[in-house]
Structure formats: C-alpha cells, structure tokens
Amino acid sequence: MENMVRIIMEMTDMIKSSLSSDFSVTTKVNCFDKFPFDGITIENFPELLTALAATGLDAIEISEDYKEMNEAKRLEHWTMLEKKVKIDIPLILTGGNVSIEEMEKIAKLGSIEYFGLGRPLIREPNLPNTWLANLEKDEADCVGCNQCLDHLLAGNELVECFEL
C-alpha cells in the first residue's frame, strides 16, 4: 500500500509543480483487485482512499466491477465505506452507473459527489439530457457487455455499441 501511494504522491507533486494551481489533478483507482496477491481489497480500500487523499490530489475516481455486485450488495459496500472513509476531496464513482435510483441512493450516503458514465454514453451519447428531460426513463440501455471496448482494443478507431 505504501508503494502504491508513494508513486501517486510523487506524480501528483510533479504534475502540480509543473502546472498552474487551478489545474486539477485526479487519479482513478479500482475498488479491489482480482489478483492472488496482496493488492487492493474491499477491506483495505478505505485505508487506500484515506492515504491517496493526503497526497494532494484534487479528486479520486473510483472504478468498481459492478458485474460482481447486485444493487443491494453495491449499496451495502458503499454504506460500509461511508462509515470508514472521511476525506476532504471529491470522490467520483465510475462503473455500473446505469440507474438514476441507485445513483441517488449512493449519493445520499454522502461521500460520492460525482458519478462517471462511460459505456452508457457510448450507447446513448445524450443520456444525461434524456434523464433530465424525461424522468420516466431512469435506466440506461447499456448492458455492460464490453463489446464497445473490445472493438477499440482490437485496434479500431471507432467506438460504438454493438447491442443496438
């Protein structure tokens, strides 16, 4: 954990010393690793967030593998983190943000200030405006199949949804 945080701290210091003070520096971290070594776990993730917040970052984007968690498990996860994490910089939650209702429940817990949308915007580029204009559509059409990203990783320049 110390080494993971040290490299972020060194990079943050280097970036901030090279740019004006109004330039925000953020990082993106995964909630937990799926590797069989001592990496990020749901248990040590609060410690990692606290340590990263002390590095001078302006925000932390958290990516979670939502396919591993149903809505109840995801809400339980964020409720647990809410009790353990007290930091003074914004947290951005990315991954699986396809339901306004679920995002509102997580936002009400208090620590997540922003939500990132990636794959849902590939399928529906105008999704936030659609949500604002028509609250009857409270779920994105994205099914999280990853075909859009697989297409990009295969060397194709155009990213598009293949479920349409």
C-alpha atoms as a PDB file:
ATOM      1  CA  MET A   1       0.000   0.000   0.000  1.00  0.00           C
ATOM      2  CA  GLU A   2       2.811   2.409   0.894  1.00  0.00           C
ATOM      3  CA  ASN A   3       4.427   1.973  -2.531  1.00  0.00           C
ATOM      4  CA  MET A   4       1.123   2.409  -4.374  1.00  0.00           C
ATOM      5  CA  VAL A   5       0.506   5.673  -2.545  1.00  0.00           C
ATOM      6  CA  ARG A   6       4.098   6.897  -2.857  1.00  0.00           C
ATOM      7  CA  ILE A   7       4.085   6.742  -6.665  1.00  0.00           C
ATOM      8  CA  ILE A   8       0.774   8.641  -6.802  1.00  0.00           C
ATOM      9  CA  MET A   9       2.145  11.242  -4.372  1.00  0.00           C
ATOM     10  CA  GLU A  10       5.343  11.698  -6.407  1.00  0.00           C
ATOM     11  CA  MET A  11       3.410  12.019  -9.672  1.00  0.00           C
ATOM     12  CA  THR A  12       0.918  14.449  -8.107  1.00  0.00           C
ATOM     13  CA  ASP A  13       3.749  16.612  -6.753  1.00  0.00           C
ATOM     14  CA  MET A  14       5.487  16.605 -10.143  1.00  0.00           C
ATOM     15  CA  ILE A  15       2.321  17.498 -12.042  1.00  0.00           C
ATOM     16  CA  LYS A  16       1.268  20.217  -9.588  1.00  0.00           C
ATOM     17  CA  SER A  17       4.740  21.801  -9.597  1.00  0.00           C
ATOM     18  CA  SER A  18       4.649  21.950 -13.414  1.00  0.00           C
ATOM     19  CA  LEU A  19       1.190  23.467 -13.848  1.00  0.00           C
ATOM     20  CA  SER A  20      -0.824  26.382 -12.559  1.00  0.00           C
ATOM     21  CA  SER A  21      -2.646  25.987  -9.258  1.00  0.00           C
ATOM     22  CA  ASP A  22      -6.059  25.960 -10.954  1.00  0.00           C
ATOM     23  CA  PHE A  23      -5.255  22.702 -12.788  1.00  0.00           C
ATOM     24  CA  SER A  24      -6.974  19.750 -11.071  1.00  0.00           C
ATOM     25  CA  VAL A  25      -5.086  16.507 -10.588  1.00  0.00           C
ATOM     26  CA  THR A  26      -7.109  13.343 -10.120  1.00  0.00           C
ATOM     27  CA  THR A  27      -6.453   9.636 -10.172  1.00  0.00           C
ATOM     28  CA  LYS A  28      -8.599   6.610 -10.871  1.00  0.00           C
ATOM     29  CA  VAL A  29      -8.379   3.519  -8.702  1.00  0.00           C
ATOM     30  CA  ASN A  30     -10.171   0.215  -8.684  1.00  0.00           C
ATOM     31  CA  CYS A  31     -12.069  -0.845  -5.555  1.00  0.00           C
ATOM     32  CA  PHE A  32     -10.464  -4.240  -5.453  1.00  0.00           C
ATOM     33  CA  ASP A  33      -8.031  -6.368  -7.394  1.00  0.00           C
ATOM     34  CA  LYS A  34      -8.873  -9.804  -8.674  1.00  0.00           C
ATOM     35  CA  PHE A  35      -5.287 -10.940  -8.475  1.00  0.00           C
ATOM     36  CA  PRO A  36      -3.989 -13.526  -5.991  1.00  0.00           C
ATOM     37  CA  PHE A  37      -1.555 -11.163  -4.266  1.00  0.00           C
ATOM     38  CA  ASP A  38      -1.762  -8.554  -1.560  1.00  0.00           C
ATOM     39  CA  GLY A  39      -3.373  -5.781  -3.554  1.00  0.00           C
ATOM     40  CA  ILE A  40      -6.476  -3.684  -3.106  1.00  0.00           C
ATOM     41  CA  THR A  41      -9.293  -5.423  -1.255  1.00  0.00           C
ATOM     42  CA  ILE A  42     -12.663  -4.227  -0.056  1.00  0.00           C
ATOM     43  CA  GLU A  43     -11.191  -4.383   3.454  1.00  0.00           C
ATOM     44  CA  ASN A  44      -8.114  -2.197   2.801  1.00  0.00           C
ATOM     45  CA  PHE A  45      -9.742   0.117   0.254  1.00  0.00           C
ATOM     46  CA  PRO A  46     -10.792   2.700   2.903  1.00  0.00           C
ATOM     47  CA  GLU A  47      -7.156   2.922   4.038  1.00  0.00           C
ATOM     48  CA  LEU A  48      -6.046   3.421   0.424  1.00  0.00           C
ATOM     49  CA  LEU A  49      -8.582   6.224  -0.152  1.00  0.00           C
ATOM     50  CA  THR A  50      -7.511   7.998   3.033  1.00  0.00           C
ATOM     51  CA  ALA A  51      -3.844   7.737   2.073  1.00  0.00           C
ATOM     52  CA  LEU A  52      -4.484   8.901  -1.506  1.00  0.00           C
ATOM     53  CA  ALA A  53      -6.495  11.895  -0.272  1.00  0.00           C
ATOM     54  CA  ALA A  54      -3.424  13.015   1.682  1.00  0.00           C
ATOM     55  CA  THR A  55      -1.213  13.107  -1.446  1.00  0.00           C
ATOM     56  CA  GLY A  56      -2.518  16.438  -2.727  1.00  0.00           C
ATOM     57  CA  LEU A  57      -4.939  15.052  -5.289  1.00  0.00           C
ATOM     58  CA  ASP A  58      -7.986  17.172  -6.068  1.00  0.00           C
ATOM     59  CA  ALA A  59     -10.339  14.203  -6.552  1.00  0.00           C
ATOM     60  CA  ILE A  60     -10.309  10.420  -6.718  1.00  0.00           C
ATOM     61  CA  GLU A  61     -12.278   8.480  -9.298  1.00  0.00           C
ATOM     62  CA  ILE A  62     -13.278   5.064  -8.058  1.00  0.00           C
ATOM     63  CA  SER A  63     -13.929   2.286 -10.519  1.00  0.00           C
ATOM     64  CA  GLU A  64     -15.757  -0.786  -9.369  1.00  0.00           C
ATOM     65  CA  ASP A  65     -16.616  -4.013 -11.109  1.00  0.00           C
ATOM     66  CA  TYR A  66     -20.358  -3.687 -10.843  1.00  0.00           C
ATOM     67  CA  LYS A  67     -20.917  -7.068 -12.505  1.00  0.00           C
ATOM     68  CA  GLU A  68     -19.639  -8.598  -9.271  1.00  0.00           C
ATOM     69  CA  MET A  69     -22.336  -6.810  -7.232  1.00  0.00           C
ATOM     70  CA  ASN A  70     -26.083  -6.514  -7.468  1.00  0.00           C
ATOM     71  CA  GLU A  71     -27.730  -3.251  -6.369  1.00  0.00           C
ATOM     72  CA  ALA A  72     -28.180  -4.380  -2.743  1.00  0.00           C
ATOM     73  CA  LYS A  73     -24.549  -5.528  -2.487  1.00  0.00           C
ATOM     74  CA  ARG A  74     -23.305  -2.317  -4.096  1.00  0.00           C
ATOM     75  CA  LEU A  75     -25.323  -0.176  -1.644  1.00  0.00           C
ATOM     76  CA  GLU A  76     -24.047  -2.297   1.260  1.00  0.00           C
ATOM     77  CA  HIS A  77     -20.494  -1.800   0.001  1.00  0.00           C
ATOM     78  CA  TRP A  78     -20.840   1.999  -0.130  1.00  0.00           C
ATOM     79  CA  THR A  79     -22.599   2.100   3.238  1.00  0.00           C
ATOM     80  CA  MET A  80     -19.625   0.240   4.752  1.00  0.00           C
ATOM     81  CA  LEU A  81     -17.145   2.596   3.074  1.00  0.00           C
ATOM     82  CA  GLU A  82     -19.151   5.606   4.226  1.00  0.00           C
ATOM     83  CA  LYS A  83     -18.541   4.588   7.845  1.00  0.00           C
ATOM     84  CA  LYS A  84     -14.792   4.160   7.323  1.00  0.00           C
ATOM     85  CA  VAL A  85     -13.791   6.907   4.899  1.00  0.00           C
ATOM     86  CA  LYS A  86     -13.661  10.550   5.928  1.00  0.00           C
ATOM     87  CA  ILE A  87     -11.746  12.599   3.378  1.00  0.00           C
ATOM     88  CA  ASP A  88     -11.930  16.195   2.202  1.00  0.00           C
ATOM     89  CA  ILE A  89     -11.682  15.746  -1.562  1.00  0.00           C
ATOM     90  CA  PRO A  90     -14.424  14.739  -4.009  1.00  0.00           C
ATOM     91  CA  LEU A  91     -14.982  11.106  -4.873  1.00  0.00           C
ATOM     92  CA  ILE A  92     -16.241  10.132  -8.317  1.00  0.00           C
ATOM     93  CA  LEU A  93     -17.843   6.704  -8.750  1.00  0.00           C
ATOM     94  CA  THR A  94     -17.495   5.068 -12.161  1.00  0.00           C
ATOM     95  CA  GLY A  95     -18.702   1.673 -13.310  1.00  0.00           C
ATOM     96  CA  GLY A  96     -22.259   0.444 -13.453  1.00  0.00           C
ATOM     97  CA  ASN A  97     -23.916   3.832 -13.173  1.00  0.00           C
ATOM     98  CA  VAL A  98     -26.934   2.991 -15.260  1.00  0.00           C
ATOM     99  CA  SER A  99     -29.781   3.703 -12.821  1.00  0.00           C
ATOM    100  CA  ILE A 100     -30.756   7.120 -11.500  1.00  0.00           C
ATOM    101  CA  GLU A 101     -32.425   5.483  -8.490  1.00  0.00           C
ATOM    102  CA  GLU A 102     -29.290   3.580  -7.494  1.00  0.00           C
ATOM    103  CA  MET A 103     -27.045   6.611  -8.008  1.00  0.00           C
ATOM    104  CA  GLU A 104     -29.375   8.699  -5.830  1.00  0.00           C
ATOM    105  CA  LYS A 105     -29.235   6.088  -3.052  1.00  0.00           C
ATOM    106  CA  ILE A 106     -25.433   6.072  -3.158  1.00  0.00           C
ATOM    107  CA  ALA A 107     -25.267   9.890  -3.338  1.00  0.00           C
ATOM    108  CA  LYS A 108     -27.483  10.177  -0.240  1.00  0.00           C
ATOM    109  CA  LEU A 109     -24.855   8.278   1.743  1.00  0.00           C
ATOM    110  CA  GLY A 110     -22.701  11.380   1.391  1.00  0.00           C
ATOM    111  CA  SER A 111     -19.164  10.602   0.238  1.00  0.00           C
ATOM    112  CA  ILE A 112     -19.709  10.194  -3.518  1.00  0.00           C
ATOM    113  CA  GLU A 113     -20.042  13.649  -5.066  1.00  0.00           C
ATOM    114  CA  TYR A 114     -19.970  12.746  -8.751  1.00  0.00           C
ATOM    115  CA  PHE A 115     -20.776   9.795 -10.979  1.00  0.00           C
ATOM    116  CA  GLY A 116     -18.819   8.857 -14.078  1.00  0.00           C
ATOM    117  CA  LEU A 117     -20.537   7.477 -17.141  1.00  0.00           C
ATOM    118  CA  GLY A 118     -18.510   5.667 -19.769  1.00  0.00           C
ATOM    119  CA  ARG A 119     -20.064   2.787 -21.642  1.00  0.00           C
ATOM    120  CA  PRO A 120     -23.633   4.079 -21.201  1.00  0.00           C
ATOM    121  CA  LEU A 121     -22.607   7.215 -23.124  1.00  0.00           C
ATOM    122  CA  ILE A 122     -21.230   5.099 -25.965  1.00  0.00           C
ATOM    123  CA  ARG A 123     -24.669   3.575 -26.359  1.00  0.00           C
ATOM    124  CA  GLU A 124     -26.618   6.753 -25.584  1.00  0.00           C
ATOM    125  CA  PRO A 125     -24.471   9.886 -26.027  1.00  0.00           C
ATOM    126  CA  ASN A 126     -27.369  12.133 -24.965  1.00  0.00           C
ATOM    127  CA  LEU A 127     -28.261  10.058 -21.873  1.00  0.00           C
ATOM    128  CA  PRO A 128     -27.813  12.790 -19.206  1.00  0.00           C
ATOM    129  CA  ASN A 129     -30.048  15.156 -21.178  1.00  0.00           C
ATOM    130  CA  THR A 130     -32.582  12.369 -21.671  1.00  0.00           C
ATOM    131  CA  TRP A 131     -32.611  11.738 -17.928  1.00  0.00           C
ATOM    132  CA  LEU A 132     -33.073  15.439 -17.214  1.00  0.00           C
ATOM    133  CA  ALA A 133     -35.902  15.807 -19.734  1.00  0.00           C
ATOM    134  CA  ASN A 134     -37.754  12.571 -19.052  1.00  0.00           C
ATOM    135  CA  LEU A 135     -37.546  11.080 -15.577  1.00  0.00           C
ATOM    136  CA  GLU A 136     -39.713   8.177 -16.706  1.00  0.00           C
ATOM    137  CA  LYS A 137     -36.573   6.713 -18.294  1.00  0.00           C
ATOM    138  CA  ASP A 138     -34.472   6.078 -15.212  1.00  0.00           C
ATOM    139  CA  GLU A 139     -32.162   3.361 -16.561  1.00  0.00           C
ATOM    140  CA  ALA A 140     -29.543   3.421 -19.288  1.00  0.00           C
ATOM    141  CA  ASP A 141     -29.849   0.926 -22.128  1.00  0.00           C
ATOM    142  CA  CYS A 142     -26.205  -0.188 -21.745  1.00  0.00           C
ATOM    143  CA  VAL A 143     -25.942  -3.830 -20.697  1.00  0.00           C
ATOM    144  CA  GLY A 144     -22.203  -3.650 -19.910  1.00  0.00           C
ATOM    145  CA  CYS A 145     -21.224  -6.257 -22.489  1.00  0.00           C
ATOM    146  CA  ASN A 146     -17.866  -4.514 -23.170  1.00  0.00           C
ATOM    147  CA  GLN A 147     -18.063  -5.162 -26.917  1.00  0.00           C
ATOM    148  CA  CYS A 148     -17.518  -1.434 -27.495  1.00  0.00           C
ATOM    149  CA  LEU A 149     -14.217  -1.539 -25.593  1.00  0.00           C
ATOM    150  CA  ASP A 150     -13.181  -4.864 -27.099  1.00  0.00           C
ATOM    151  CA  HIS A 151     -13.654  -3.262 -30.528  1.00  0.00           C
ATOM    152  CA  LEU A 152     -11.414  -0.344 -29.528  1.00  0.00           C
ATOM    153  CA  LEU A 153      -8.752  -2.620 -28.007  1.00  0.00           C
ATOM    154  CA  ALA A 154      -8.698  -4.622 -31.240  1.00  0.00           C
ATOM    155  CA  GLY A 155      -7.281  -1.520 -32.932  1.00  0.00           C
ATOM    156  CA  ASN A 156     -10.433   0.007 -34.361  1.00  0.00           C
ATOM    157  CA  GLU A 157     -10.697   3.772 -34.169  1.00  0.00           C
ATOM    158  CA  LEU A 158     -14.487   3.985 -33.932  1.00  0.00           C
ATOM    159  CA  VAL A 159     -16.050   3.038 -30.617  1.00  0.00           C
ATOM    160  CA  GLU A 160     -19.670   2.035 -30.922  1.00  0.00           C
ATOM    161  CA  CYS A 161     -22.289  -0.060 -29.189  1.00  0.00           C
ATOM    162  CA  PHE A 162     -22.871  -3.458 -30.758  1.00  0.00           C
ATOM    163  CA  GLU A 163     -26.065  -4.181 -28.845  1.00  0.00           C
ATOM    164  CA  LEU A 164     -28.091  -1.644 -30.843  1.00  0.00           C
END
